[in-house]
Amino acid sequence: MADLTYTQGIQIEEANSVAQQMQGTNNDLDNKLNEILQIMERMNVKWSSPASEETIAQFKTLKGSFDQYKEKINRYVSFIQKQVTDAYNAGEKSIQVNLQNVKQDVTVN
């Protein structure tokens, strides 16, 4: 019998694991960027200057770019997870159809 976790050259568990790793790394990066921004803003309270204000503004712009990438990665992870779910469901449906066929063959004979 064929390995049902293997669909069109992709192992379902592996694809799901990679998607989860990507999501985790994406969230970790977002959390670190937020943490850096908070540290910069706290430091700015104690040591405010035009240069620190400009640095914070530039970091916020940079973080905005990362936020766009974060959303793209989230969409890609969702796509992978949907493909995994669809592949799993197709496999399950195939099993059920084949099982019904076997049951019919057994009852006919």
C-alpha atoms as a PDB file:
ATOM      1  CA  MET A   1       0.000   0.000   0.000  1.00  0.00           C
ATOM      2  CA  ALA A   2       1.221   3.508  -0.824  1.00  0.00           C
ATOM      3  CA  ASP A   3       2.430   5.857   1.892  1.00  0.00           C
ATOM      4  CA  LEU A   4      -0.611   8.103   2.384  1.00  0.00           C
ATOM      5  CA  THR A   5       1.430  10.850   4.029  1.00  0.00           C
ATOM      6  CA  TYR A   6       3.275  11.318   0.746  1.00  0.00           C
ATOM      7  CA  THR A   7       1.358  13.300  -1.852  1.00  0.00           C
ATOM      8  CA  GLN A   8       2.758  14.491  -5.164  1.00  0.00           C
ATOM      9  CA  GLY A   9       6.363  14.406  -3.947  1.00  0.00           C
ATOM     10  CA  ILE A  10       5.668  16.265  -0.695  1.00  0.00           C
ATOM     11  CA  GLN A  11       5.503  14.694   2.721  1.00  0.00           C
ATOM     12  CA  ILE A  12       2.518  16.223   4.450  1.00  0.00           C
ATOM     13  CA  GLU A  13       4.025  16.146   7.949  1.00  0.00           C
ATOM     14  CA  GLU A  14       7.250  17.722   6.720  1.00  0.00           C
ATOM     15  CA  ALA A  15       5.422  20.507   4.863  1.00  0.00           C
ATOM     16  CA  ASN A  16       3.332  21.242   7.933  1.00  0.00           C
ATOM     17  CA  SER A  17       6.445  21.257  10.130  1.00  0.00           C
ATOM     18  CA  VAL A  18       8.217  23.696   7.802  1.00  0.00           C
ATOM     19  CA  ALA A  19       5.153  25.969   7.775  1.00  0.00           C
ATOM     20  CA  GLN A  20       5.084  25.965  11.583  1.00  0.00           C
ATOM     21  CA  GLN A  21       8.812  26.757  11.733  1.00  0.00           C
ATOM     22  CA  MET A  22       8.350  29.633   9.301  1.00  0.00           C
ATOM     23  CA  GLN A  23       5.455  30.984  11.378  1.00  0.00           C
ATOM     24  CA  GLY A  24       7.486  30.700  14.578  1.00  0.00           C
ATOM     25  CA  THR A  25      10.518  32.435  13.095  1.00  0.00           C
ATOM     26  CA  ASN A  26       8.289  35.135  11.643  1.00  0.00           C
ATOM     27  CA  ASN A  27       6.695  35.755  15.041  1.00  0.00           C
ATOM     28  CA  ASP A  28      10.093  35.705  16.789  1.00  0.00           C
ATOM     29  CA  LEU A  29      11.437  38.344  14.396  1.00  0.00           C
ATOM     30  CA  ASP A  30       8.372  40.530  14.913  1.00  0.00           C
ATOM     31  CA  ASN A  31       8.697  40.220  18.701  1.00  0.00           C
ATOM     32  CA  LYS A  32      12.412  41.131  18.571  1.00  0.00           C
ATOM     33  CA  LEU A  33      11.761  44.163  16.387  1.00  0.00           C
ATOM     34  CA  ASN A  34       9.059  45.326  18.805  1.00  0.00           C
ATOM     35  CA  GLU A  35      11.430  44.752  21.719  1.00  0.00           C
ATOM     36  CA  ILE A  36      14.179  46.789  20.014  1.00  0.00           C
ATOM     37  CA  LEU A  37      11.751  49.619  19.332  1.00  0.00           C
ATOM     38  CA  GLN A  38      10.613  49.647  22.971  1.00  0.00           C
ATOM     39  CA  ILE A  39      14.232  49.763  24.165  1.00  0.00           C
ATOM     40  CA  MET A  40      14.992  52.634  21.792  1.00  0.00           C
ATOM     41  CA  GLU A  41      11.950  54.572  22.979  1.00  0.00           C
ATOM     42  CA  ARG A  42      12.818  54.003  26.651  1.00  0.00           C
ATOM     43  CA  MET A  43      16.363  55.181  26.004  1.00  0.00           C
ATOM     44  CA  ASN A  44      15.006  58.241  24.208  1.00  0.00           C
ATOM     45  CA  VAL A  45      13.209  59.290  27.407  1.00  0.00           C
ATOM     46  CA  LYS A  46      16.575  59.466  29.218  1.00  0.00           C
ATOM     47  CA  TRP A  47      18.665  60.694  26.312  1.00  0.00           C
ATOM     48  CA  SER A  48      16.668  62.653  23.793  1.00  0.00           C
ATOM     49  CA  SER A  49      18.320  64.316  20.829  1.00  0.00           C
ATOM     50  CA  PRO A  50      17.557  65.072  17.200  1.00  0.00           C
ATOM     51  CA  ALA A  51      19.797  62.149  16.233  1.00  0.00           C
ATOM     52  CA  SER A  52      17.936  59.706  18.493  1.00  0.00           C
ATOM     53  CA  GLU A  53      14.580  60.947  17.176  1.00  0.00           C
ATOM     54  CA  GLU A  54      15.809  60.433  13.599  1.00  0.00           C
ATOM     55  CA  THR A  55      17.135  56.969  14.435  1.00  0.00           C
ATOM     56  CA  ILE A  56      13.788  55.945  15.938  1.00  0.00           C
ATOM     57  CA  ALA A  57      11.917  57.332  12.928  1.00  0.00           C
ATOM     58  CA  GLN A  58      14.178  55.394  10.558  1.00  0.00           C
ATOM     59  CA  PHE A  59      13.774  52.219  12.599  1.00  0.00           C
ATOM     60  CA  LYS A  60       9.985  52.594  12.517  1.00  0.00           C
ATOM     61  CA  THR A  61      10.181  52.911   8.722  1.00  0.00           C
ATOM     62  CA  LEU A  62      12.383  49.821   8.573  1.00  0.00           C
ATOM     63  CA  LYS A  63      10.015  47.950  10.868  1.00  0.00           C
ATOM     64  CA  GLY A  64       7.137  48.896   8.569  1.00  0.00           C
ATOM     65  CA  SER A  65       8.946  47.137   5.744  1.00  0.00           C
ATOM     66  CA  PHE A  66       9.359  44.059   7.916  1.00  0.00           C
ATOM     67  CA  ASP A  67       5.650  44.191   8.779  1.00  0.00           C
ATOM     68  CA  GLN A  68       4.872  43.920   5.060  1.00  0.00           C
ATOM     69  CA  TYR A  69       7.185  40.909   4.738  1.00  0.00           C
ATOM     70  CA  LYS A  70       5.621  39.398   7.849  1.00  0.00           C
ATOM     71  CA  GLU A  71       2.203  39.537   6.205  1.00  0.00           C
ATOM     72  CA  LYS A  72       3.558  37.954   3.020  1.00  0.00           C
ATOM     73  CA  ILE A  73       5.144  35.158   5.034  1.00  0.00           C
ATOM     74  CA  ASN A  74       1.896  34.658   6.964  1.00  0.00           C
ATOM     75  CA  ARG A  75       0.007  34.332   3.671  1.00  0.00           C
ATOM     76  CA  TYR A  76       2.576  31.833   2.388  1.00  0.00           C
ATOM     77  CA  VAL A  77       2.333  29.784   5.598  1.00  0.00           C
ATOM     78  CA  SER A  78      -1.462  29.783   5.274  1.00  0.00           C
ATOM     79  CA  PHE A  79      -1.114  28.613   1.673  1.00  0.00           C
ATOM     80  CA  ILE A  80       1.178  25.747   2.702  1.00  0.00           C
ATOM     81  CA  GLN A  81      -1.142  24.734   5.529  1.00  0.00           C
ATOM     82  CA  LYS A  82      -4.156  24.799   3.197  1.00  0.00           C
ATOM     83  CA  GLN A  83      -2.317  22.645   0.669  1.00  0.00           C
ATOM     84  CA  VAL A  84      -1.387  20.181   3.415  1.00  0.00           C
ATOM     85  CA  THR A  85      -4.981  20.054   4.647  1.00  0.00           C
ATOM     86  CA  ASP A  86      -6.336  19.641   1.121  1.00  0.00           C
ATOM     87  CA  ALA A  87      -3.823  16.868   0.375  1.00  0.00           C
ATOM     88  CA  TYR A  88      -4.682  15.097   3.623  1.00  0.00           C
ATOM     89  CA  ASN A  89      -8.416  15.385   2.965  1.00  0.00           C
ATOM     90  CA  ALA A  90      -7.976  14.094  -0.590  1.00  0.00           C
ATOM     91  CA  GLY A  91      -6.041  11.128   0.778  1.00  0.00           C
ATOM     92  CA  GLU A  92      -8.718  10.417   3.363  1.00  0.00           C
ATOM     93  CA  LYS A  93     -11.455  10.637   0.746  1.00  0.00           C
ATOM     94  CA  SER A  94      -9.531   8.247  -1.510  1.00  0.00           C
ATOM     95  CA  ILE A  95      -9.196   5.781   1.371  1.00  0.00           C
ATOM     96  CA  GLN A  96     -12.913   5.969   2.107  1.00  0.00           C
ATOM     97  CA  VAL A  97     -13.845   5.432  -1.559  1.00  0.00           C
ATOM     98  CA  ASN A  98     -11.454   2.512  -1.867  1.00  0.00           C
ATOM     99  CA  LEU A  99     -12.748   1.023   1.375  1.00  0.00           C
ATOM    100  CA  GLN A 100     -16.321   1.272   0.106  1.00  0.00           C
ATOM    101  CA  ASN A 101     -15.273  -0.426  -3.128  1.00  0.00           C
ATOM    102  CA  VAL A 102     -13.595  -3.233  -1.194  1.00  0.00           C
ATOM    103  CA  LYS A 103     -16.694  -3.661   1.007  1.00  0.00           C
ATOM    104  CA  GLN A 104     -18.906  -3.818  -2.069  1.00  0.00           C
ATOM    105  CA  ASP A 105     -16.601  -6.350  -3.712  1.00  0.00           C
ATOM    106  CA  VAL A 106     -16.620  -8.492  -0.567  1.00  0.00           C
ATOM    107  CA  THR A 107     -20.414  -8.409  -0.199  1.00  0.00           C
ATOM    108  CA  VAL A 108     -20.945  -9.164  -3.904  1.00  0.00           C
ATOM    109  CA  ASN A 109     -18.663 -12.201  -3.790  1.00  0.00           C
END
